[in-house]
Amino acid sequence: MSEESVLNPVELAAELTIAWLGNQNNRVDARDVPMFFKTMHETILDLSSSVQDAEPEKVPAEEEHPAAVSVRKSLASKDHIISMIDGKPYRTLRRHLSTHGLTPEEYRARYNLRADYPMVAESYSAQRREMAKKIGLGSKGRTARTRQPKTGS
């Protein structure tokens, strides 16, 4: 490390204490400030000594996530999609993925799936499509365009 990047523990503790005192949510008695400063300084010293004493750790390889089922089996039924995380069937995977902290893109990347891998079962998608058509979703724009009189020469 260069000398410019090494911070003096006292200065760092002072800056952290000032920031802590500057927070309007902290109600502090003046008698507590020296104790907080001392605690902050000791913590910084402990952390800096533990970093220096520790050997450089190897960067852990990205965890492997074995698929519970094959891609073909996950899409075998029109009524559900089988999750590659736990092997259970779901009509839609979005909520299931969010409970595991994943987005659909991360899920596809984790299991090397194509970008068009579905997140909703085929029959459920058709059911939702029919319901949307029945209540007229998406048709308002089309009917408005056809009713407009054509202006021109």
Protein backbone atom coordinates (compact mmCIF):
# COMPACT_ATOMS: atom_id res chain seq x y z
CA MET A 1 0.00 0.00 0.00
CA SER A 2 1.17 3.51 -0.67
CA GLU A 3 1.33 5.99 2.16
CA GLU A 4 -1.48 8.03 0.63
CA SER A 5 -3.92 5.13 0.81
CA VAL A 6 -3.10 4.23 4.43
CA LEU A 7 -5.42 6.05 6.80
CA ASN A 8 -4.48 6.99 10.32
CA PRO A 9 -6.81 5.07 12.68
CA VAL A 10 -7.29 8.15 14.88
CA GLU A 11 -8.29 10.30 11.91
CA LEU A 12 -10.62 7.62 10.60
CA ALA A 13 -12.22 7.18 14.03
CA ALA A 14 -12.63 10.95 14.30
CA GLU A 15 -14.31 11.17 10.88
CA LEU A 16 -16.67 8.31 11.72
CA THR A 17 -17.51 9.90 15.09
CA ILE A 18 -18.21 13.25 13.44
CA ALA A 19 -20.46 11.54 10.88
CA TRP A 20 -22.27 9.70 13.68
CA LEU A 21 -22.78 12.92 15.62
CA GLY A 22 -23.92 14.72 12.48
CA ASN A 23 -26.79 12.29 11.98
CA GLN A 24 -29.95 14.04 13.16
CA ASN A 25 -31.46 10.73 14.28
CA ASN A 26 -28.79 10.22 16.95
CA ARG A 27 -29.50 11.87 20.29
CA VAL A 28 -26.19 11.88 22.13
CA ASP A 29 -25.15 13.15 25.51
CA ALA A 30 -21.79 14.96 25.43
CA ARG A 31 -20.43 12.53 28.06
CA ASP A 32 -20.95 9.59 25.66
CA VAL A 33 -18.86 11.01 22.81
CA PRO A 34 -15.39 10.13 24.21
CA MET A 35 -16.48 6.54 24.90
CA PHE A 36 -17.91 6.21 21.38
CA PHE A 37 -14.68 7.64 19.91
CA LYS A 38 -12.58 5.18 21.95
CA THR A 39 -14.74 2.25 20.89
CA MET A 40 -14.58 3.33 17.25
CA HIS A 41 -10.76 3.65 17.43
CA GLU A 42 -10.37 0.20 19.01
CA THR A 43 -12.64 -1.34 16.40
CA ILE A 44 -10.65 0.21 13.57
CA LEU A 45 -7.40 -1.06 15.08
CA ASP A 46 -8.84 -4.56 15.49
CA LEU A 47 -10.10 -4.60 11.93
CA SER A 48 -6.85 -3.31 10.47
CA SER A 49 -4.75 -5.82 12.43
CA SER A 50 -7.00 -8.72 11.42
CA VAL A 51 -6.70 -7.70 7.77
CA GLN A 52 -2.91 -7.55 7.99
CA ASP A 53 -2.65 -10.86 9.86
CA ALA A 54 -4.94 -12.76 7.56
CA GLU A 55 -3.44 -14.54 4.61
CA PRO A 56 -4.90 -13.69 1.25
CA GLU A 57 -7.82 -16.01 0.77
CA LYS A 58 -8.56 -17.74 -2.45
CA VAL A 59 -11.54 -16.34 -4.26
CA PRO A 60 -14.21 -19.03 -3.97
CA ALA A 61 -15.37 -20.41 -7.26
CA GLU A 62 -18.93 -19.61 -8.15
CA GLU A 63 -21.23 -22.13 -6.52
CA GLU A 64 -22.49 -24.83 -8.76
CA HIS A 65 -26.23 -25.19 -8.85
CA PRO A 66 -27.18 -28.64 -10.08
CA ALA A 67 -30.51 -28.73 -11.85
CA ALA A 68 -33.19 -30.81 -10.14
CA VAL A 69 -34.59 -31.88 -13.53
CA SER A 70 -33.57 -31.66 -17.16
CA VAL A 71 -34.77 -28.81 -19.36
CA ARG A 72 -36.89 -31.22 -21.39
CA LYS A 73 -38.58 -32.61 -18.28
CA SER A 74 -39.16 -29.13 -16.85
CA LEU A 75 -41.24 -28.23 -19.92
CA ALA A 76 -42.84 -31.65 -20.49
CA SER A 77 -46.32 -30.65 -19.29
CA LYS A 78 -48.54 -27.89 -20.64
CA ASP A 79 -50.13 -27.46 -17.19
CA HIS A 80 -46.99 -26.56 -15.24
CA ILE A 81 -43.27 -25.85 -15.41
CA ILE A 82 -41.04 -27.87 -13.13
CA SER A 83 -38.56 -25.72 -11.24
CA MET A 84 -34.91 -26.57 -11.77
CA ILE A 85 -34.23 -25.38 -8.22
CA ASP A 86 -36.40 -27.82 -6.28
CA GLY A 87 -38.08 -30.05 -8.88
CA LYS A 88 -41.62 -28.94 -7.96
CA PRO A 89 -44.30 -27.93 -10.48
CA TYR A 90 -45.46 -24.31 -10.75
CA ARG A 91 -47.91 -22.56 -13.08
CA THR A 92 -45.72 -19.46 -12.96
CA LEU A 93 -42.11 -19.28 -11.79
CA ARG A 94 -41.74 -15.57 -10.97
CA ARG A 95 -42.86 -15.68 -7.33
CA HIS A 96 -40.96 -18.93 -6.76
CA LEU A 97 -37.79 -17.35 -8.14
CA SER A 98 -38.20 -14.22 -6.03
CA THR A 99 -38.35 -16.35 -2.86
CA HIS A 100 -34.93 -17.66 -3.86
CA GLY A 101 -33.63 -14.16 -4.62
CA LEU A 102 -33.49 -14.66 -8.37
CA THR A 103 -34.79 -12.80 -11.37
CA PRO A 104 -35.87 -14.72 -14.47
CA GLU A 105 -32.66 -13.61 -16.21
CA GLU A 106 -30.49 -14.87 -13.32
CA TYR A 107 -32.41 -18.17 -13.28
CA ARG A 108 -31.86 -18.63 -17.01
CA ALA A 109 -28.17 -17.79 -16.64
CA ARG A 110 -27.71 -20.12 -13.64
CA TYR A 111 -29.03 -23.13 -15.55
CA ASN A 112 -27.80 -22.10 -19.02
CA LEU A 113 -31.30 -21.72 -20.41
CA ARG A 114 -32.21 -19.90 -23.59
CA ALA A 115 -33.56 -16.35 -23.38
CA ASP A 116 -37.00 -17.53 -24.53
CA TYR A 117 -37.35 -20.17 -21.77
CA PRO A 118 -40.91 -19.65 -20.46
CA MET A 119 -41.70 -18.45 -16.94
CA VAL A 120 -45.42 -19.33 -17.24
CA ALA A 121 -47.02 -22.69 -18.10
CA GLU A 122 -48.56 -22.89 -21.56
CA SER A 123 -52.11 -23.68 -20.40
CA TYR A 124 -52.02 -20.93 -17.78
CA SER A 125 -50.83 -18.44 -20.40
CA ALA A 126 -53.67 -19.47 -22.74
CA GLN A 127 -56.17 -19.16 -19.90
CA ARG A 128 -54.95 -15.64 -19.09
CA ARG A 129 -54.98 -14.68 -22.78
CA GLU A 130 -58.61 -15.80 -23.16
CA MET A 131 -59.64 -13.92 -20.03
CA ALA A 132 -57.92 -10.76 -21.31
CA LYS A 133 -59.67 -11.04 -24.67
CA LYS A 134 -63.01 -11.65 -22.96
CA ILE A 135 -62.78 -8.46 -20.91
CA GLY A 136 -61.48 -6.50 -23.90
CA LEU A 137 -57.92 -5.76 -22.88
CA GLY A 138 -55.89 -4.42 -25.76
CA SER A 139 -58.84 -3.89 -28.08
CA LYS A 140 -59.49 -0.25 -27.19
CA GLY A 141 -56.56 0.99 -29.23
CA ARG A 142 -57.51 -1.11 -32.25
CA THR A 143 -61.15 -0.01 -32.31
CA ALA A 144 -60.20 3.64 -31.86
CA ARG A 145 -57.86 3.42 -34.85
CA THR A 146 -60.48 1.83 -37.10
CA ARG A 147 -63.18 4.39 -36.17
CA GLN A 148 -61.06 7.44 -36.99
CA PRO A 149 -62.08 9.03 -40.26
CA LYS A 150 -59.34 9.01 -42.83
CA THR A 151 -58.23 12.48 -43.76
CA GLY A 152 -56.43 13.01 -46.96
CA SER A 153 -56.69 14.30 -50.46
